[in-house]
C-alpha atoms as a PDB file:
ATOM      1  CA  MET A   1     -41.127  19.192 -13.867  1.00  0.00           C
ATOM      2  CA  LEU A   2     -41.175  20.814 -17.410  1.00  0.00           C
ATOM      3  CA  GLU A   3     -41.655  24.094 -15.793  1.00  0.00           C
ATOM      4  CA  THR A   4     -39.374  23.840 -13.113  1.00  0.00           C
ATOM      5  CA  ILE A   5     -36.520  23.233 -15.577  1.00  0.00           C
ATOM      6  CA  ILE A   6     -37.731  26.185 -17.848  1.00  0.00           C
ATOM      7  CA  ASP A   7     -37.720  28.237 -14.560  1.00  0.00           C
ATOM      8  CA  GLY A   8     -34.473  27.469 -13.819  1.00  0.00           C
ATOM      9  CA  GLY A   9     -33.145  28.668 -17.192  1.00  0.00           C
ATOM     10  CA  PRO A  10     -30.164  27.467 -19.692  1.00  0.00           C
ATOM     11  CA  LEU A  11     -28.141  26.284 -17.023  1.00  0.00           C
ATOM     12  CA  MET A  12     -30.647  23.576 -16.137  1.00  0.00           C
ATOM     13  CA  VAL A  13     -30.014  21.759 -19.211  1.00  0.00           C
ATOM     14  CA  PRO A  14     -26.348  20.789 -18.255  1.00  0.00           C
ATOM     15  CA  LEU A  15     -27.639  20.025 -14.650  1.00  0.00           C
ATOM     16  CA  LEU A  16     -30.333  17.709 -16.091  1.00  0.00           C
ATOM     17  CA  ILE A  17     -27.770  15.967 -18.114  1.00  0.00           C
ATOM     18  CA  CYS A  18     -25.692  15.383 -14.892  1.00  0.00           C
ATOM     19  CA  SER A  19     -28.685  13.878 -13.266  1.00  0.00           C
ATOM     20  CA  LEU A  20     -29.158  11.550 -15.879  1.00  0.00           C
ATOM     21  CA  ILE A  21     -25.652  10.603 -16.081  1.00  0.00           C
ATOM     22  CA  THR A  22     -25.478  10.058 -12.359  1.00  0.00           C
ATOM     23  CA  LEU A  23     -28.356   7.935 -12.380  1.00  0.00           C
ATOM     24  CA  ALA A  24     -27.146   5.660 -15.121  1.00  0.00           C
ATOM     25  CA  VAL A  25     -23.894   5.091 -13.239  1.00  0.00           C
ATOM     26  CA  ILE A  26     -25.841   4.558  -9.879  1.00  0.00           C
ATOM     27  CA  LEU A  27     -27.802   1.753 -11.732  1.00  0.00           C
ATOM     28  CA  ASP A  28     -24.367   0.377 -13.497  1.00  0.00           C
ATOM     29  CA  ARG A  29     -22.513   0.308 -10.158  1.00  0.00           C
ATOM     30  CA  ALA A  30     -25.492  -1.196  -8.042  1.00  0.00           C
ATOM     31  CA  ARG A  31     -25.467  -4.265 -10.409  1.00  0.00           C
ATOM     32  CA  SER A  32     -21.973  -4.618 -10.241  1.00  0.00           C
ATOM     33  CA  PHE A  33     -21.417  -4.435  -6.510  1.00  0.00           C
ATOM     34  CA  ARG A  34     -24.751  -6.872  -6.275  1.00  0.00           C
ATOM     35  CA  GLN A  35     -23.313  -9.259  -8.442  1.00  0.00           C
ATOM     36  CA  ASN A  36     -19.868  -9.662  -6.711  1.00  0.00           C
ATOM     37  CA  ALA A  37     -21.864  -9.863  -3.329  1.00  0.00           C
ATOM     38  CA  ARG A  38     -23.357 -13.091  -4.541  1.00  0.00           C
ATOM     39  CA  ILE A  39     -20.015 -14.650  -4.893  1.00  0.00           C
ATOM     40  CA  ASP A  40     -18.711 -16.709  -2.130  1.00  0.00           C
ATOM     41  CA  ASN A  41     -15.016 -15.682  -2.000  1.00  0.00           C
ATOM     42  CA  HIS A  42     -14.553 -17.425   1.498  1.00  0.00           C
ATOM     43  CA  ALA A  43     -15.839 -20.823   0.068  1.00  0.00           C
ATOM     44  CA  LEU A  44     -13.511 -19.995  -2.862  1.00  0.00           C
ATOM     45  CA  ARG A  45     -10.426 -19.188  -1.023  1.00  0.00           C
ATOM     46  CA  ALA A  46     -10.906 -22.251   1.050  1.00  0.00           C
ATOM     47  CA  LYS A  47     -11.217 -24.522  -1.953  1.00  0.00           C
ATOM     48  CA  VAL A  48      -8.140 -22.948  -3.839  1.00  0.00           C
ATOM     49  CA  GLN A  49      -6.030 -23.664  -0.536  1.00  0.00           C
ATOM     50  CA  GLU A  50      -7.205 -27.175  -0.629  1.00  0.00           C
ATOM     51  CA  TYR A  51      -6.654 -28.049  -4.235  1.00  0.00           C
ATOM     52  CA  VAL A  52      -3.080 -26.466  -3.528  1.00  0.00           C
ATOM     53  CA  ARG A  53      -2.316 -28.716  -0.557  1.00  0.00           C
ATOM     54  CA  GLU A  54      -3.140 -31.471  -2.712  1.00  0.00           C
ATOM     55  CA  GLY A  55      -1.096 -30.573  -5.644  1.00  0.00           C
ATOM     56  CA  GLN A  56      -4.064 -29.904  -7.816  1.00  0.00           C
ATOM     57  CA  VAL A  57      -3.112 -26.609  -9.325  1.00  0.00           C
ATOM     58  CA  ASP A  58      -4.952 -27.142 -12.697  1.00  0.00           C
ATOM     59  CA  GLU A  59      -7.972 -27.782 -10.687  1.00  0.00           C
ATOM     60  CA  ALA A  60      -7.431 -24.447  -8.759  1.00  0.00           C
ATOM     61  CA  ILE A  61      -6.763 -22.514 -11.893  1.00  0.00           C
ATOM     62  CA  LYS A  62     -10.274 -23.826 -13.422  1.00  0.00           C
ATOM     63  CA  LEU A  63     -12.205 -23.204 -10.550  1.00  0.00           C
ATOM     64  CA  CYS A  64     -11.055 -19.503 -10.371  1.00  0.00           C
ATOM     65  CA  ALA A  65     -11.565 -19.039 -14.385  1.00  0.00           C
ATOM     66  CA  ASP A  66     -15.202 -20.314 -14.026  1.00  0.00           C
ATOM     67  CA  THR A  67     -15.957 -17.763 -10.940  1.00  0.00           C
ATOM     68  CA  PRO A  68     -16.156 -14.344 -11.784  1.00  0.00           C
ATOM     69  CA  GLY A  69     -15.253 -11.267  -9.640  1.00  0.00           C
ATOM     70  CA  PRO A  70     -12.137  -9.660  -8.852  1.00  0.00           C
ATOM     71  CA  VAL A  71     -11.038 -11.676  -6.103  1.00  0.00           C
ATOM     72  CA  SER A  72     -11.009 -15.115  -8.251  1.00  0.00           C
ATOM     73  CA  ALA A  73      -9.316 -13.069 -11.153  1.00  0.00           C
ATOM     74  CA  VAL A  74      -6.355 -12.131  -8.731  1.00  0.00           C
ATOM     75  CA  LEU A  75      -6.295 -15.709  -7.428  1.00  0.00           C
ATOM     76  CA  LEU A  76      -6.076 -16.732 -11.118  1.00  0.00           C
ATOM     77  CA  SER A  77      -3.072 -14.630 -12.127  1.00  0.00           C
ATOM     78  CA  GLY A  78      -1.267 -15.655  -8.948  1.00  0.00           C
ATOM     79  CA  LEU A  79      -1.990 -19.405  -9.809  1.00  0.00           C
ATOM     80  CA  GLN A  80      -1.064 -18.967 -13.452  1.00  0.00           C
ATOM     81  CA  ALA A  81       2.325 -17.358 -12.400  1.00  0.00           C
ATOM     82  CA  TYR A  82       3.236 -20.253 -10.170  1.00  0.00           C
ATOM     83  CA  GLN A  83       2.488 -22.577 -12.957  1.00  0.00           C
ATOM     84  CA  LYS A  84       4.873 -21.031 -15.114  1.00  0.00           C
ATOM     85  CA  LEU A  85       7.138 -21.164 -12.146  1.00  0.00           C
ATOM     86  CA  GLU A  86       6.979 -25.115 -11.138  1.00  0.00           C
ATOM     87  CA  GLY A  87       9.758 -26.037 -13.478  1.00  0.00           C
ATOM     88  CA  ALA A  88      12.279 -23.532 -12.191  1.00  0.00           C
ATOM     89  CA  SER A  89      15.224 -24.701  -9.991  1.00  0.00           C
ATOM     90  CA  GLU A  90      16.281 -21.999  -7.937  1.00  0.00           C
ATOM     91  CA  GLU A  91      18.097 -22.708  -5.033  1.00  0.00           C
ATOM     92  CA  ASN A  92      15.340 -20.988  -2.279  1.00  0.00           C
ATOM     93  CA  LYS A  93      12.590 -21.963  -4.322  1.00  0.00           C
ATOM     94  CA  ALA A  94      10.117 -20.876  -1.471  1.00  0.00           C
ATOM     95  CA  ASP A  95      11.365 -17.170  -1.818  1.00  0.00           C
ATOM     96  CA  TYR A  96      11.497 -17.101  -5.463  1.00  0.00           C
ATOM     97  CA  VAL A  97       7.775 -18.310  -5.490  1.00  0.00           C
ATOM     98  CA  ARG A  98       6.521 -15.873  -2.869  1.00  0.00           C
ATOM     99  CA  LEU A  99       8.546 -13.053  -4.868  1.00  0.00           C
ATOM    100  CA  MET A 100       7.289 -13.785  -8.318  1.00  0.00           C
ATOM    101  CA  VAL A 101       3.659 -14.879  -7.360  1.00  0.00           C
ATOM    102  CA  GLY A 102       3.185 -11.786  -4.996  1.00  0.00           C
ATOM    103  CA  ARG A 103       4.441  -9.775  -7.815  1.00  0.00           C
ATOM    104  CA  SER A 104       2.226 -10.954 -10.245  1.00  0.00           C
ATOM    105  CA  MET A 105      -0.865 -10.721  -8.117  1.00  0.00           C
ATOM    106  CA  GLU A 106      -0.286  -7.184  -6.757  1.00  0.00           C
ATOM    107  CA  ASP A 107       0.103  -6.143 -10.246  1.00  0.00           C
ATOM    108  CA  PHE A 108      -3.128  -7.789 -11.578  1.00  0.00           C
ATOM    109  CA  THR A 109      -4.790  -6.311  -8.465  1.00  0.00           C
ATOM    110  CA  LYS A 110      -4.390  -2.830 -10.070  1.00  0.00           C
ATOM    111  CA  HIS A 111      -6.733  -3.956 -13.109  1.00  0.00           C
ATOM    112  CA  ALA A 112      -9.072  -5.793 -10.869  1.00  0.00           C
ATOM    113  CA  MET A 113      -9.587  -2.599  -8.535  1.00  0.00           C
ATOM    114  CA  SER A 114      -9.726  -0.388 -11.717  1.00  0.00           C
ATOM    115  CA  ALA A 115     -12.865  -2.546 -12.957  1.00  0.00           C
ATOM    116  CA  VAL A 116     -14.397  -2.334  -9.392  1.00  0.00           C
ATOM    117  CA  GLU A 117     -13.886   1.408  -9.230  1.00  0.00           C
ATOM    118  CA  LYS A 118     -15.023   2.069 -12.586  1.00  0.00           C
ATOM    119  CA  ARG A 119     -17.067   5.234 -13.425  1.00  0.00           C
ATOM    120  CA  LEU A 120     -16.970   5.985  -9.484  1.00  0.00           C
ATOM    121  CA  GLY A 121     -15.003   9.213 -10.681  1.00  0.00           C
ATOM    122  CA  VAL A 122     -17.676  10.338 -12.820  1.00  0.00           C
ATOM    123  CA  LEU A 123     -20.121  10.584  -9.288  1.00  0.00           C
ATOM    124  CA  SER A 124     -17.014  12.419  -7.686  1.00  0.00           C
ATOM    125  CA  THR A 125     -16.827  14.924 -10.686  1.00  0.00           C
ATOM    126  CA  ILE A 126     -20.672  15.580 -10.688  1.00  0.00           C
ATOM    127  CA  GLY A 127     -20.653  15.918  -7.095  1.00  0.00           C
ATOM    128  CA  ASN A 128     -18.237  18.716  -7.179  1.00  0.00           C
ATOM    129  CA  ALA A 129     -19.403  20.480 -10.576  1.00  0.00           C
ATOM    130  CA  ALA A 130     -23.285  20.459  -9.801  1.00  0.00           C
ATOM    131  CA  PRO A 131     -23.130  22.951  -6.884  1.00  0.00           C
ATOM    132  CA  LEU A 132     -20.981  24.990  -9.067  1.00  0.00           C
ATOM    133  CA  LEU A 133     -23.248  25.051 -12.009  1.00  0.00           C
ATOM    134  CA  GLY A 134     -26.002  25.870  -9.566  1.00  0.00           C
ATOM    135  CA  MET A 135     -24.162  28.667  -8.202  1.00  0.00           C
ATOM    136  CA  THR A 136     -23.568  29.743 -11.680  1.00  0.00           C
ATOM    137  CA  GLY A 137     -27.320  29.788 -12.154  1.00  0.00           C
ATOM    138  CA  THR A 138     -27.856  31.984  -9.238  1.00  0.00           C
ATOM    139  CA  VAL A 139     -25.419  34.643 -10.403  1.00  0.00           C
ATOM    140  CA  THR A 140     -26.908  34.624 -13.866  1.00  0.00           C
ATOM    141  CA  GLY A 141     -30.413  34.757 -12.399  1.00  0.00           C
ATOM    142  CA  MET A 142     -29.347  37.513 -10.262  1.00  0.00           C
ATOM    143  CA  ILE A 143     -27.742  39.679 -13.048  1.00  0.00           C
ATOM    144  CA  ALA A 144     -31.235  39.287 -15.157  1.00  0.00           C
ATOM    145  CA  SER A 145     -33.046  40.499 -12.160  1.00  0.00           C
ATOM    146  CA  PHE A 146     -31.011  43.435 -11.807  1.00  0.00           C
ATOM    147  CA  GLY A 147     -30.919  43.990 -15.594  1.00  0.00           C
ATOM    148  CA  GLY A 148     -34.778  43.778 -15.415  1.00  0.00           C
ATOM    149  CA  LEU A 149     -34.856  46.331 -12.683  1.00  0.00           C
ATOM    150  CA  ALA A 150     -32.755  48.746 -14.354  1.00  0.00           C
ATOM    151  CA  ASP A 151     -34.574  48.726 -17.521  1.00  0.00           C
ATOM    152  CA  ALA A 152     -37.926  49.126 -15.701  1.00  0.00           C
ATOM    153  CA  GLY A 153     -36.541  52.221 -14.087  1.00  0.00           C
ATOM    154  CA  GLN A 154     -38.500  51.429 -10.754  1.00  0.00           C
ATOM    155  CA  LEU A 155     -38.990  48.771  -7.745  1.00  0.00           C
ATOM    156  CA  ASP A 156     -41.425  46.094  -9.288  1.00  0.00           C
ATOM    157  CA  ALA A 157     -41.459  42.688  -8.095  1.00  0.00           C
ATOM    158  CA  SER A 158     -42.817  41.386 -11.426  1.00  0.00           C
ATOM    159  CA  VAL A 159     -39.478  42.168 -12.918  1.00  0.00           C
ATOM    160  CA  VAL A 160     -37.096  40.558 -10.481  1.00  0.00           C
ATOM    161  CA  ALA A 161     -39.417  37.488 -10.049  1.00  0.00           C
ATOM    162  CA  GLY A 162     -37.951  35.657 -13.029  1.00  0.00           C
ATOM    163  CA  GLY A 163     -34.449  36.403 -12.419  1.00  0.00           C
ATOM    164  CA  ILE A 164     -34.737  35.260  -8.530  1.00  0.00           C
ATOM    165  CA  ALA A 165     -36.693  32.328  -9.674  1.00  0.00           C
ATOM    166  CA  GLU A 166     -33.880  31.186 -12.059  1.00  0.00           C
ATOM    167  CA  ALA A 167     -31.314  31.731  -9.285  1.00  0.00           C
ATOM    168  CA  LEU A 168     -32.910  29.668  -6.522  1.00  0.00           C
ATOM    169  CA  THR A 169     -33.985  26.878  -9.049  1.00  0.00           C
ATOM    170  CA  THR A 170     -30.561  26.169 -10.358  1.00  0.00           C
ATOM    171  CA  THR A 171     -29.052  26.571  -6.619  1.00  0.00           C
ATOM    172  CA  ALA A 172     -31.595  24.098  -5.341  1.00  0.00           C
ATOM    173  CA  SER A 173     -31.026  21.643  -8.361  1.00  0.00           C
ATOM    174  CA  GLY A 174     -27.424  21.791  -8.096  1.00  0.00           C
ATOM    175  CA  LEU A 175     -27.288  20.850  -4.436  1.00  0.00           C
ATOM    176  CA  LEU A 176     -29.653  18.073  -4.703  1.00  0.00           C
ATOM    177  CA  ILE A 177     -27.651  16.673  -7.683  1.00  0.00           C
ATOM    178  CA  ALA A 178     -24.813  16.760  -5.687  1.00  0.00           C
ATOM    179  CA  LEU A 179     -26.101  15.066  -2.739  1.00  0.00           C
ATOM    180  CA  PHE A 180     -27.444  12.273  -5.283  1.00  0.00           C
ATOM    181  CA  ALA A 181     -23.894  11.919  -6.640  1.00  0.00           C
ATOM    182  CA  VAL A 182     -21.578  12.000  -3.526  1.00  0.00           C
ATOM    183  CA  ILE A 183     -23.666   9.820  -1.214  1.00  0.00           C
ATOM    184  CA  PRO A 184     -23.585   6.708  -3.257  1.00  0.00           C
ATOM    185  CA  TYR A 185     -20.119   7.987  -4.396  1.00  0.00           C
ATOM    186  CA  HIS A 186     -18.929   7.151  -0.664  1.00  0.00           C
ATOM    187  CA  TYR A 187     -20.990   4.318  -0.400  1.00  0.00           C
ATOM    188  CA  PHE A 188     -19.614   2.231  -3.300  1.00  0.00           C
ATOM    189  CA  THR A 189     -16.162   3.813  -2.520  1.00  0.00           C
ATOM    190  CA  SER A 190     -16.543   2.079   0.881  1.00  0.00           C
ATOM    191  CA  ARG A 191     -17.465  -1.210  -0.884  1.00  0.00           C
ATOM    192  CA  ALA A 192     -14.591  -1.015  -3.364  1.00  0.00           C
ATOM    193  CA  GLU A 193     -12.386  -0.645  -0.227  1.00  0.00           C
ATOM    194  CA  GLY A 194     -14.054  -3.857   1.510  1.00  0.00           C
ATOM    195  CA  ILE A 195     -13.330  -5.763  -1.884  1.00  0.00           C
ATOM    196  CA  GLU A 196      -9.582  -4.481  -1.873  1.00  0.00           C
ATOM    197  CA  LEU A 197      -9.255  -5.669   1.408  1.00  0.00           C
ATOM    198  CA  GLU A 198     -10.545  -9.094   0.514  1.00  0.00           C
ATOM    199  CA  ILE A 199      -8.159  -9.389  -2.385  1.00  0.00           C
ATOM    200  CA  ASP A 200      -5.194  -8.450  -0.024  1.00  0.00           C
ATOM    201  CA  GLU A 201      -6.283 -11.349   2.392  1.00  0.00           C
ATOM    202  CA  ALA A 202      -6.444 -13.920  -0.629  1.00  0.00           C
ATOM    203  CA  LEU A 203      -3.119 -12.609  -1.969  1.00  0.00           C
ATOM    204  CA  THR A 204      -1.337 -13.340   1.164  1.00  0.00           C
ATOM    205  CA  GLN A 205      -2.890 -16.677   2.034  1.00  0.00           C
ATOM    206  CA  LEU A 206      -2.161 -17.788  -1.586  1.00  0.00           C
ATOM    207  CA  VAL A 207       1.589 -16.649  -1.619  1.00  0.00           C
ATOM    208  CA  GLU A 208       2.245 -18.152   1.812  1.00  0.00           C
ATOM    209  CA  GLU A 209       0.374 -21.570   0.685  1.00  0.00           C
ATOM    210  CA  LEU A 210       2.253 -21.930  -2.386  1.00  0.00           C
ATOM    211  CA  SER A 211       5.755 -21.162  -0.971  1.00  0.00           C
ATOM    212  CA  HIS A 212       5.229 -23.586   1.843  1.00  0.00           C
ATOM    213  CA  ARG A 213       4.953 -26.221  -0.931  1.00  0.00           C
ATOM    214  CA  HIS A 214       8.749 -25.324  -1.412  1.00  0.00           C
ATOM    215  CA  PRO A 215      10.661 -25.151   1.763  1.00  0.00           C
ATOM    216  CA  SER A 216      13.803 -23.367   1.896  1.00  0.00           C
ATOM    217  CA  GLY A 217      16.606 -25.139   0.999  1.00  0.00           C
ATOM    218  CA  ASP A 218      14.730 -27.635  -1.110  1.00  0.00           C
END
């Protein structure tokens, strides 16, 4: 492997750094998504609904606070917002609850999704940058080949071999690193979209459940 890096020339250094960063991000995001997958969000939502129907908002808040993950965090923000509105005396409390709780949860969803999608932009950037670094290595390798050929004054395969090896090594490395970054990026993005959809479902469900506790006209 060391010989391959040496053959690739100086541009193999940033490519090697990109590969190490990519590996670190993949391991970090894989651990995060695996932990989230272990949480039974359907059971959580059902239990929260049950507490809300029974008027046990404090118990629902405690349950969400004790449960890790973005879905529970968004539910917690909605329940806390509702708790602050319980003393309000608006004529149409249901609409007011729907507006304020929904807005609170939508705002917090942005923070929750930011944590879910953390560092995915790094994979996207490396996926775009690695092939460009590889192509740059191709150009510098060919320049070295033709420069050596010009200095030699005659066609000699050994003179151009080093430059061609550098060109091919950096190109192949750049493409491999890009694949190594792009494929996990799309996989993790798909998982993040699934989490966002689950948050949206939980948001709608909770807002409707809370607003039903205050029929219009109360």
